[in-house]
Amino acid sequence: MITTFRTLFAGANARAEDRLRDVYAIELIDQKIRETAAQVHAAKSTLASLIQRKRSEQKLLDMLRTRIASMMDRARGAMDDGQEQLAQEAAQAIAEMENEVTIRQGTIDRLDTQVTRLQSSVEAGHRGPHGRRRLRGRNQGHRRRRACPPKTLIAPQTRQIIPLTDR
């Protein structure tokens, strides 16, 4: 008996959900389009941010490598002039900068991986065959629903005719 009531309740819920979806189909399609557009916008913003960060890290890395080359020239000059203390200090500074180069290069490599992954994701969602088809389908459904809104709906399970009122 309880299972019968549970089944009846589940059926009534399913019918009510179907009616709700049918009545508010345009609003649901609008919301899905807004959500998809917001997700694409957020992904593009994140991608732009990652690309900008990668560029700034690359600039810092290039400046650091230039400083290392300059310090190496000065260290060689100090050694040629017999200034061992100055050459040792330069070698210590160069070693610290080399460590920083390693850290920055690792950061750039990670950013590059993230940029590549996000670019392919954005392209697949925006320009790819499935993403384009999904957005096109949502837009077509929206236009179709707006062009000829039905006066009545037929509930799929009960074949009951449900009149729609103007919203």
Foldseek 3Di string as FASTA:
>chain_A
DVVVVVVVVVVVVVLVVVVVCLQCVLVVLVVVLVVLVVVLVVLVVVLVVLVVVLVVLVVVLVVLVVVLVVLVVVLVVCVVVVNVVSNVVSVVVSVVSVVVNVVSVVVSVVSVVVSVVSVVVSCCLPVNPVNVVVSVVSVVVNVVCVVDPDQWDQRVPPRDIGGHDDD
